Amino acid sequence: MPLLVISTLARSDEIAGLAVPDVFLGCEVPYLHIRENNLRRVKTISWTRKVPIAKKILDLGFREYVAA
């Protein structure tokens, strides 16, 4: 989790509240969709956003982690 926080500049509670459907890996630029889900609420609609995943995170096995 610390690497995702550092590389995305998202808040730690946003990263901790991610669900697998919030992770989009099968596109040109893989990203995390920070949005309301059953684990977390967002305060305002402007807090909803798409955050790119750094290549280094993917190289460290993030795809495999999400798949597991």
Protein backbone atom coordinates (compact mmCIF):
# COMPACT_ATOMS: atom_id res chain seq x y z
CA MET A 1 0.00 0.00 0.00
CA PRO A 2 2.72 2.59 0.75
CA LEU A 3 4.07 2.32 -2.80
CA LEU A 4 0.62 2.98 -4.25
CA VAL A 5 0.15 6.00 -2.00
CA ILE A 6 3.53 7.41 -2.96
CA SER A 7 3.26 6.70 -6.68
CA THR A 8 -0.34 7.91 -7.12
CA LEU A 9 -0.44 10.68 -4.50
CA ALA A 10 -3.85 9.33 -3.50
CA ARG A 11 -4.86 9.40 0.15
CA SER A 12 -4.11 6.25 2.14
CA ASP A 13 -7.82 5.74 2.94
CA GLU A 14 -8.60 5.93 -0.79
CA ILE A 15 -6.05 3.21 -1.55
CA ALA A 16 -7.18 1.09 1.41
CA GLY A 17 -10.79 1.34 0.22
CA LEU A 18 -10.11 0.10 -3.30
CA ALA A 19 -11.96 -2.97 -4.52
CA VAL A 20 -10.90 -5.18 -7.42
CA PRO A 21 -13.52 -3.59 -9.75
CA ASP A 22 -11.81 -0.23 -9.11
CA VAL A 23 -8.56 -1.46 -10.73
CA PHE A 24 -8.42 -1.19 -14.52
CA LEU A 25 -5.43 -3.00 -15.98
CA GLY A 26 -6.61 -3.93 -19.48
CA CYS A 27 -6.30 -0.50 -21.06
CA GLU A 28 -3.52 1.56 -22.63
CA VAL A 29 -2.86 3.41 -19.37
CA PRO A 30 -3.81 1.20 -16.38
CA TYR A 31 -5.50 3.16 -13.60
CA LEU A 32 -7.25 3.09 -10.25
CA HIS A 33 -10.78 4.48 -10.22
CA ILE A 34 -11.20 6.36 -6.95
CA ARG A 35 -14.96 6.30 -6.45
CA GLU A 36 -17.63 5.35 -3.99
CA ASN A 37 -18.01 1.63 -3.42
CA ASN A 38 -19.27 -0.65 -0.66
CA LEU A 39 -15.97 -0.13 1.24
CA ARG A 40 -15.76 3.65 1.08
CA ARG A 41 -17.73 6.84 0.45
CA VAL A 42 -16.53 9.99 -1.28
CA LYS A 43 -17.32 13.40 0.16
CA THR A 44 -18.03 15.12 -3.15
CA ILE A 45 -18.22 14.14 -6.81
CA SER A 46 -14.94 15.99 -7.43
CA TRP A 47 -13.17 13.37 -5.28
CA THR A 48 -14.07 10.76 -7.90
CA ARG A 49 -11.15 10.41 -10.31
CA LYS A 50 -8.99 8.05 -12.34
CA VAL A 51 -5.40 7.75 -11.14
CA PRO A 52 -2.77 6.17 -13.44
CA ILE A 53 -0.76 3.26 -12.06
CA ALA A 54 3.00 3.73 -12.37
CA LYS A 55 4.83 1.23 -14.59
CA LYS A 56 7.17 0.37 -11.71
CA ILE A 57 4.18 -0.77 -9.62
CA LEU A 58 3.07 -3.01 -12.47
CA ASP A 59 6.63 -4.34 -12.86
CA LEU A 60 6.62 -5.28 -9.16
CA GLY A 61 3.71 -7.69 -9.74
CA PHE A 62 0.62 -5.56 -9.10
CA ARG A 63 -1.31 -7.29 -11.95
CA GLU A 64 -0.68 -10.68 -10.33
CA TYR A 65 -1.65 -9.33 -6.91
CA VAL A 66 -4.97 -8.04 -8.23
CA ALA A 67 -5.64 -11.31 -10.07
CA ALA A 68 -5.05 -13.31 -6.88
